[in-house]
């Protein structure tokens, strides 16, 4: 039986509706798959760091083919096709770029040339510009394994044990005290992070260090951040307060003074306290607390990736009972501590400078 024009249109509309419903389901599945495989992106980056792929490309002048990369990394020849698959993921996610090297007539297939991007340029180069040590900490099995039983952790009362302590039997500081390898890995990561971000801070936020003559960095470790401040502002008398075992390993050839102590008992007096909310240690007039931390939602709040990264980092440090805060939460802490004003300067990517005054 022949169908009328109206009947054909009705069937077509039904097919289109069904197709749209299926597409919604397929898109939803894609979203879940992409989310589920997020850890594969992290492990691909870890593999690249462990193999030394960024350095291999850098040593070839910033661009290299697979055969050229292979000459500078340790790789079994049978795994070369697998390396191409790894590089495909790392280029799709923006860690590396690609250019096509066309056949020159010699009968060879076209070869992709892998290039450094702004992201992978941060994985090579000198201290202060290289964030690889920090990523090595974030991606190390000790931290990653802390996420594997969050369900069990959610069933315990706060604050202890943290997911980290549940997994390893010690908190992060106890483990660092007992495991020299982890301690070196962690310290190198903190130094690299301080060097990178402080180079930005002294250029973009130098005004916050004006009008003060002394500064104490509370819990500043080996003083990477403080040394950058002291170098950029030689008029400042800079010191670091940290635990005795940390200060014992601090460098001696620096203008920064190292003070052994406990931040929870007392903080050295100075015009400015860096990183720690310590009202009693600063003068009532002209003093300030300078905090470098994440303010969730600050900065490029219209950039979904920026806010997502802030929230992901908050979940990451939850494994050691840490927490990141939005402005409302920071405001509550600041005012409850007796301070009267604050200013958020969101010019450090995911992080901000918070200038707090008595």
Protein backbone atom coordinates (compact mmCIF):
# COMPACT_ATOMS: atom_id res chain seq x y z
CA UNK A 1 0.00 0.00 0.00
CA UNK A 2 1.35 3.34 -1.03
CA UNK A 3 1.93 5.88 1.76
CA UNK A 4 0.68 9.40 1.53
CA UNK A 5 3.04 12.34 1.75
CA UNK A 6 1.77 13.12 5.25
CA UNK A 7 2.37 9.54 6.43
CA UNK A 8 5.92 9.58 5.04
CA UNK A 9 6.61 12.83 6.91
CA UNK A 10 5.26 11.37 10.15
CA UNK A 11 7.49 8.26 9.86
CA UNK A 12 10.50 10.45 9.03
CA UNK A 13 9.84 12.62 12.08
CA UNK A 14 9.56 9.52 14.30
CA UNK A 15 12.83 8.17 12.94
CA UNK A 16 14.50 11.51 13.52
CA UNK A 17 13.15 11.65 17.09
CA UNK A 18 14.40 8.14 17.81
CA UNK A 19 17.76 9.00 16.30
CA UNK A 20 18.02 12.10 18.51
CA UNK A 21 17.20 10.08 21.62
CA UNK A 22 19.85 7.52 20.75
CA UNK A 23 22.35 10.28 20.10
CA UNK A 24 21.73 11.70 23.56
CA UNK A 25 22.42 8.25 25.03
CA UNK A 26 25.55 7.84 22.93
CA UNK A 27 26.80 11.29 23.92
CA UNK A 28 26.17 10.41 27.56
CA UNK A 29 28.13 7.19 27.17
CA UNK A 30 30.96 9.14 25.55
CA UNK A 31 31.03 11.53 28.49
CA UNK A 32 31.24 8.66 30.98
CA UNK A 33 33.92 6.86 28.99
CA UNK A 34 35.98 10.03 28.67
CA UNK A 35 35.64 10.65 32.40
CA UNK A 36 36.51 7.04 33.25
CA UNK A 37 39.62 7.07 31.09
CA UNK A 38 40.85 10.31 32.64
CA UNK A 39 43.41 8.34 34.64
CA UNK A 40 44.86 7.03 31.37
CA UNK A 41 45.81 10.60 30.44
CA UNK A 42 47.60 10.95 33.78
CA UNK A 43 49.45 7.67 33.32
CA UNK A 44 50.40 8.60 29.76
CA UNK A 45 51.96 11.79 31.09
CA UNK A 46 53.74 9.82 33.81
CA UNK A 47 55.12 7.41 31.20
CA UNK A 48 56.41 10.33 29.14
CA UNK A 49 58.18 11.78 32.18
CA UNK A 50 59.60 8.43 33.27
CA UNK A 51 60.89 7.68 29.76
CA UNK A 52 62.32 11.18 29.33
CA UNK A 53 60.36 11.97 26.17
CA UNK A 54 60.14 15.75 26.75
CA UNK A 55 63.93 15.91 27.24
CA UNK A 56 64.48 13.76 24.15
CA UNK A 57 62.47 16.17 21.99
CA UNK A 58 64.13 19.17 23.64
CA UNK A 59 67.58 17.76 22.90
CA UNK A 60 66.63 17.55 19.23
CA UNK A 61 65.92 21.26 19.18
CA UNK A 62 62.27 21.08 20.20
CA UNK A 63 61.03 18.74 17.47
CA UNK A 64 61.73 15.07 16.78
CA UNK A 65 60.38 12.03 14.98
CA UNK A 66 59.77 8.70 16.69
CA UNK A 67 63.09 7.27 15.39
CA UNK A 68 64.89 10.32 16.77
CA UNK A 69 63.13 10.08 20.13
CA UNK A 70 64.00 6.38 20.38
CA UNK A 71 67.72 7.17 20.10
CA UNK A 72 67.56 9.18 23.33
CA UNK A 73 65.32 7.06 25.56
CA UNK A 74 65.49 3.50 26.87
CA UNK A 75 62.92 1.55 24.86
CA UNK A 76 62.80 -2.02 23.61
CA UNK A 77 62.61 -1.94 19.78
CA UNK A 78 59.47 -4.09 19.81
CA UNK A 79 57.66 -1.31 21.70
CA UNK A 80 58.12 1.38 19.03
CA UNK A 81 54.54 0.95 17.72
CA UNK A 82 53.31 1.30 21.30
CA UNK A 83 55.28 4.52 21.64
CA UNK A 84 53.40 5.90 18.63
CA UNK A 85 50.14 5.11 20.41
CA UNK A 86 51.35 6.83 23.57
CA UNK A 87 52.38 9.91 21.57
CA UNK A 88 48.98 9.98 19.86
CA UNK A 89 47.28 10.39 23.25
CA UNK A 90 49.79 12.99 24.40
CA UNK A 91 49.30 15.08 21.24
CA UNK A 92 45.50 14.85 21.41
CA UNK A 93 45.64 16.13 24.98
CA UNK A 94 47.99 19.00 24.10
CA UNK A 95 51.14 17.85 25.87
CA UNK A 96 52.96 17.67 22.53
CA UNK A 97 52.24 19.06 19.08
CA UNK A 98 52.77 17.51 15.66
CA UNK A 99 54.00 18.50 12.25
CA UNK A 100 54.08 16.27 9.20
CA UNK A 101 57.42 15.46 7.59
CA UNK A 102 56.54 14.71 3.98
CA UNK A 103 58.13 12.03 1.82
CA UNK A 104 61.17 13.48 0.07
CA UNK A 105 60.91 11.01 -2.78
CA UNK A 106 62.97 8.30 -1.18
CA UNK A 107 60.00 5.97 -0.90
CA UNK A 108 59.50 6.36 2.88
CA UNK A 109 56.13 6.97 4.47
CA UNK A 110 55.40 10.43 5.81
CA UNK A 111 56.72 10.73 9.38
CA UNK A 112 55.13 12.79 12.14
CA UNK A 113 57.39 15.27 13.86
CA UNK A 114 56.54 15.77 17.52
CA UNK A 115 57.06 19.24 18.93
CA UNK A 116 57.11 20.84 22.35
CA UNK A 117 54.04 22.88 23.28
CA UNK A 118 53.82 25.55 26.00
CA UNK A 119 52.78 22.72 28.34
CA UNK A 120 55.68 20.39 27.58
CA UNK A 121 58.18 23.26 27.63
CA UNK A 122 57.46 23.36 31.37
CA UNK A 123 58.76 19.78 31.55
CA UNK A 124 62.27 20.67 30.37
CA UNK A 125 64.83 23.30 31.14
CA UNK A 126 66.47 24.69 34.27
CA UNK A 127 65.21 24.93 37.83
CA UNK A 128 62.60 27.64 38.23
CA UNK A 129 61.06 26.84 34.85
CA UNK A 130 60.70 23.06 35.09
CA UNK A 131 57.68 21.62 36.91
CA UNK A 132 58.47 17.95 36.21
CA UNK A 133 59.53 17.24 39.82
CA UNK A 134 56.13 18.45 41.09
CA UNK A 135 54.27 16.28 38.57
CA UNK A 136 56.43 13.32 39.58
CA UNK A 137 55.14 13.75 43.13
CA UNK A 138 51.51 14.11 42.07
CA UNK A 139 51.69 11.04 39.84
CA UNK A 140 53.74 8.79 42.10
CA UNK A 141 52.07 5.50 43.12
CA UNK A 142 52.17 6.51 46.80
CA UNK A 143 49.73 9.37 46.15
CA UNK A 144 47.71 7.74 43.38
CA UNK A 145 47.02 4.61 45.46
CA UNK A 146 45.48 6.82 48.17
CA UNK A 147 42.43 7.23 45.93
CA UNK A 148 41.67 3.52 45.56
CA UNK A 149 39.46 3.15 48.62
CA UNK A 150 37.64 6.46 49.02
CA UNK A 151 34.45 4.56 49.80
CA UNK A 152 36.08 3.12 52.93
CA UNK A 153 37.40 6.54 53.91
CA UNK A 154 33.99 8.18 53.58
CA UNK A 155 32.69 5.71 56.15
CA UNK A 156 35.15 6.93 58.84
CA UNK A 157 34.63 9.93 61.10
CA UNK A 158 36.68 13.06 60.37
CA UNK A 159 39.45 14.04 60.64
CA UNK A 160 41.50 10.84 60.91
CA UNK A 161 42.63 8.77 59.22
CA UNK A 162 43.21 10.50 55.89
CA UNK A 163 42.96 8.36 52.73
CA UNK A 164 46.76 8.59 52.56
CA UNK A 165 47.17 7.28 56.10
CA UNK A 166 44.53 4.59 55.59
CA UNK A 167 46.54 3.28 52.65
CA UNK A 168 50.08 3.61 53.98
CA UNK A 169 49.68 3.50 57.77
CA UNK A 170 51.41 6.86 58.16
CA UNK A 171 50.55 10.43 57.26
CA UNK A 172 52.60 12.21 54.63
CA UNK A 173 55.07 13.74 57.10
CA UNK A 174 55.59 10.48 58.98
CA UNK A 175 56.21 8.65 55.72
CA UNK A 176 58.70 11.30 54.59
CA UNK A 177 60.55 10.89 57.88
CA UNK A 178 60.81 7.11 57.40
CA UNK A 179 61.25 6.84 53.62
CA UNK A 180 64.27 8.75 52.32
CA UNK A 181 63.32 8.15 48.68
CA UNK A 182 59.84 9.58 49.12
CA UNK A 183 61.26 12.47 51.13
CA UNK A 184 63.66 13.40 48.32
CA UNK A 185 60.88 13.11 45.74
CA UNK A 186 58.54 15.27 47.79
CA UNK A 187 61.15 17.93 48.61
CA UNK A 188 62.20 18.18 44.95
CA UNK A 189 58.56 18.66 43.95
CA UNK A 190 58.01 21.44 46.48
CA UNK A 191 61.21 23.22 45.45
CA UNK A 192 60.25 23.04 41.76
CA UNK A 193 56.76 24.38 42.44
CA UNK A 194 58.08 27.23 44.57
CA UNK A 195 60.67 28.17 41.97
CA UNK A 196 58.14 28.25 39.16
CA UNK A 197 55.32 30.12 40.88
CA UNK A 198 57.57 32.59 42.70
CA UNK A 199 59.15 33.68 39.42
CA UNK A 200 55.63 34.69 38.40
CA UNK A 201 54.78 36.22 41.78
CA UNK A 202 57.76 38.59 41.89
CA UNK A 203 56.96 39.82 38.37
CA UNK A 204 53.18 40.07 38.59
CA UNK A 205 52.59 40.76 42.29
CA UNK A 206 55.69 42.67 43.33
CA UNK A 207 53.60 45.47 44.81
CA UNK A 208 52.54 43.31 47.76
CA UNK A 209 56.17 43.27 48.95
CA UNK A 210 56.55 47.03 48.87
CA UNK A 211 56.45 49.03 52.10
CA UNK A 212 57.73 46.20 54.30
CA UNK A 213 61.25 45.58 55.58
CA UNK A 214 61.03 42.02 56.92
CA UNK A 215 59.23 38.83 56.00
CA UNK A 216 58.98 35.37 57.53
CA UNK A 217 57.93 32.39 55.42
CA UNK A 218 56.09 30.00 57.73
CA UNK A 219 56.60 26.35 56.88
CA UNK A 220 58.79 27.42 53.98
CA UNK A 221 60.92 24.26 53.81
CA UNK A 222 64.27 24.88 52.16
CA UNK A 223 63.24 28.43 51.33
CA UNK A 224 62.78 28.24 47.57
CA UNK A 225 59.98 30.80 47.65
CA UNK A 226 61.76 33.05 50.15
CA UNK A 227 65.01 33.00 48.20
CA UNK A 228 63.14 34.20 45.10
CA UNK A 229 61.60 37.03 47.13
CA UNK A 230 64.96 37.97 48.70
CA UNK A 231 66.63 38.05 45.29
CA UNK A 232 63.92 40.22 43.75
CA UNK A 233 63.64 42.53 46.77
CA UNK A 234 67.10 42.78 48.36
CA UNK A 235 65.88 45.40 50.85
CA UNK A 236 63.78 42.71 52.58
CA UNK A 237 65.13 40.81 55.58
CA UNK A 238 63.79 37.32 54.85
CA UNK A 239 63.60 34.29 57.09
CA UNK A 240 62.06 30.83 57.01
CA UNK A 241 60.41 29.14 59.98
CA UNK A 242 60.18 25.36 59.84
CA UNK A 243 60.71 22.24 61.92
CA UNK A 244 64.24 21.53 63.20
CA UNK A 245 64.74 18.47 60.97
CA UNK A 246 63.86 20.58 57.91
CA UNK A 247 66.06 23.52 58.89
CA UNK A 248 68.96 21.11 59.46
CA UNK A 249 69.06 20.41 55.72
CA UNK A 250 68.58 24.00 54.57
CA UNK A 251 71.22 25.63 52.34
CA UNK A 252 73.86 27.74 54.03
CA UNK A 253 74.96 29.90 51.08
CA UNK A 254 71.95 32.21 51.05
CA UNK A 255 70.87 35.56 52.46
CA UNK A 256 67.76 33.91 53.89
CA UNK A 257 67.83 33.18 57.62
CA UNK A 258 66.47 29.78 58.78
CA UNK A 259 64.73 29.50 62.14
CA UNK A 260 63.88 26.16 63.75
CA UNK A 261 60.51 26.13 65.47
CA UNK A 262 56.90 25.02 65.45
CA UNK A 263 54.41 27.22 63.60
CA UNK A 264 51.64 26.02 65.90
CA UNK A 265 53.46 27.39 68.97
CA UNK A 266 54.89 30.71 67.78
CA UNK A 267 55.92 32.60 64.67
CA UNK A 268 58.91 34.94 64.34
CA UNK A 269 57.94 38.62 64.27
CA UNK A 270 58.12 40.42 60.92
CA UNK A 271 56.36 43.10 58.89
CA UNK A 272 54.86 40.37 56.72
CA UNK A 273 54.09 36.70 57.22
CA UNK A 274 54.12 34.63 54.04
CA UNK A 275 51.72 31.73 53.51
CA UNK A 276 50.45 31.45 57.08
CA UNK A 277 47.63 33.29 58.87
CA UNK A 278 49.54 34.51 61.95
CA UNK A 279 48.11 37.77 63.29
CA UNK A 280 50.22 37.97 66.48
CA UNK A 281 53.48 37.91 64.56
CA UNK A 282 52.89 41.10 62.55
CA UNK A 283 52.59 44.74 63.65
CA UNK A 284 49.14 46.29 63.92
CA UNK A 285 50.14 49.12 61.58
CA UNK A 286 51.75 48.39 58.21
CA UNK A 287 51.93 44.64 58.72
CA UNK A 288 50.28 42.04 56.54
CA UNK A 289 49.87 38.35 55.88
CA UNK A 290 50.62 37.29 52.30
CA UNK A 291 48.97 34.00 51.37
CA UNK A 292 49.67 32.15 48.14
CA UNK A 293 46.93 29.60 47.66
CA UNK A 294 43.94 28.52 45.60
CA UNK A 295 40.74 30.51 45.92
CA UNK A 296 38.19 28.25 44.26
CA UNK A 297 36.30 30.22 41.63
CA UNK A 298 38.78 33.13 41.56
CA UNK A 299 40.75 34.06 38.48
CA UNK A 300 39.46 32.93 35.12
CA UNK A 301 36.13 31.81 36.59
CA UNK A 302 34.62 31.79 33.11
CA UNK A 303 37.25 29.23 32.12
CA UNK A 304 35.78 25.86 32.99
CA UNK A 305 39.20 24.19 32.93
CA UNK A 306 40.54 26.64 35.52
CA UNK A 307 37.69 26.01 37.98
CA UNK A 308 37.73 22.28 37.28
CA UNK A 309 41.47 22.14 38.02
CA UNK A 310 40.96 24.02 41.29
CA UNK A 311 38.26 21.55 42.34
CA UNK A 312 40.36 18.57 41.26
CA UNK A 313 43.28 19.82 43.33
CA UNK A 314 40.95 20.26 46.30
CA UNK A 315 39.94 16.60 45.97
CA UNK A 316 43.59 15.63 45.51
CA UNK A 317 44.74 17.18 48.79
CA UNK A 318 41.69 15.76 50.53
CA UNK A 319 43.73 12.52 50.55
CA UNK A 320 46.03 14.14 53.13
CA UNK A 321 43.17 15.93 54.93
CA UNK A 322 43.95 19.18 53.12
CA UNK A 323 41.32 21.54 51.76
CA UNK A 324 41.00 24.39 49.25
CA UNK A 325 38.52 27.21 49.86
CA UNK A 326 36.35 29.63 47.93
CA UNK A 327 36.29 33.35 48.79
CA UNK A 328 33.41 32.98 51.22
CA UNK A 329 35.35 30.37 53.21
CA UNK A 330 38.56 32.43 53.14
CA UNK A 331 36.65 35.51 54.31
CA UNK A 332 35.23 33.60 57.28
CA UNK A 333 38.68 32.36 58.35
CA UNK A 334 40.29 35.77 57.91
CA UNK A 335 37.70 37.70 59.91
CA UNK A 336 37.41 35.05 62.63
CA UNK A 337 41.19 35.35 63.10
CA UNK A 338 40.75 39.04 63.91
CA UNK A 339 41.86 40.60 60.63
CA UNK A 340 39.86 43.49 59.24
CA UNK A 341 40.47 43.45 55.49
CA UNK A 342 41.76 41.34 52.65
CA UNK A 343 42.39 41.55 48.92
CA UNK A 344 42.47 38.67 46.46
CA UNK A 345 44.82 39.07 43.50
CA UNK A 346 43.91 36.30 41.00
CA UNK A 347 46.81 36.56 38.56
CA UNK A 348 48.55 33.23 39.15
CA UNK A 349 46.48 30.84 37.04
CA UNK A 350 44.75 28.43 39.41
CA UNK A 351 46.27 30.22 42.41
CA UNK A 352 45.92 33.69 43.90
CA UNK A 353 47.72 36.05 46.23
CA UNK A 354 45.61 36.94 49.26
CA UNK A 355 46.81 40.08 51.01
CA UNK A 356 45.45 40.22 54.58
CA UNK A 357 45.76 43.20 56.95
CA UNK A 358 45.12 43.60 60.71
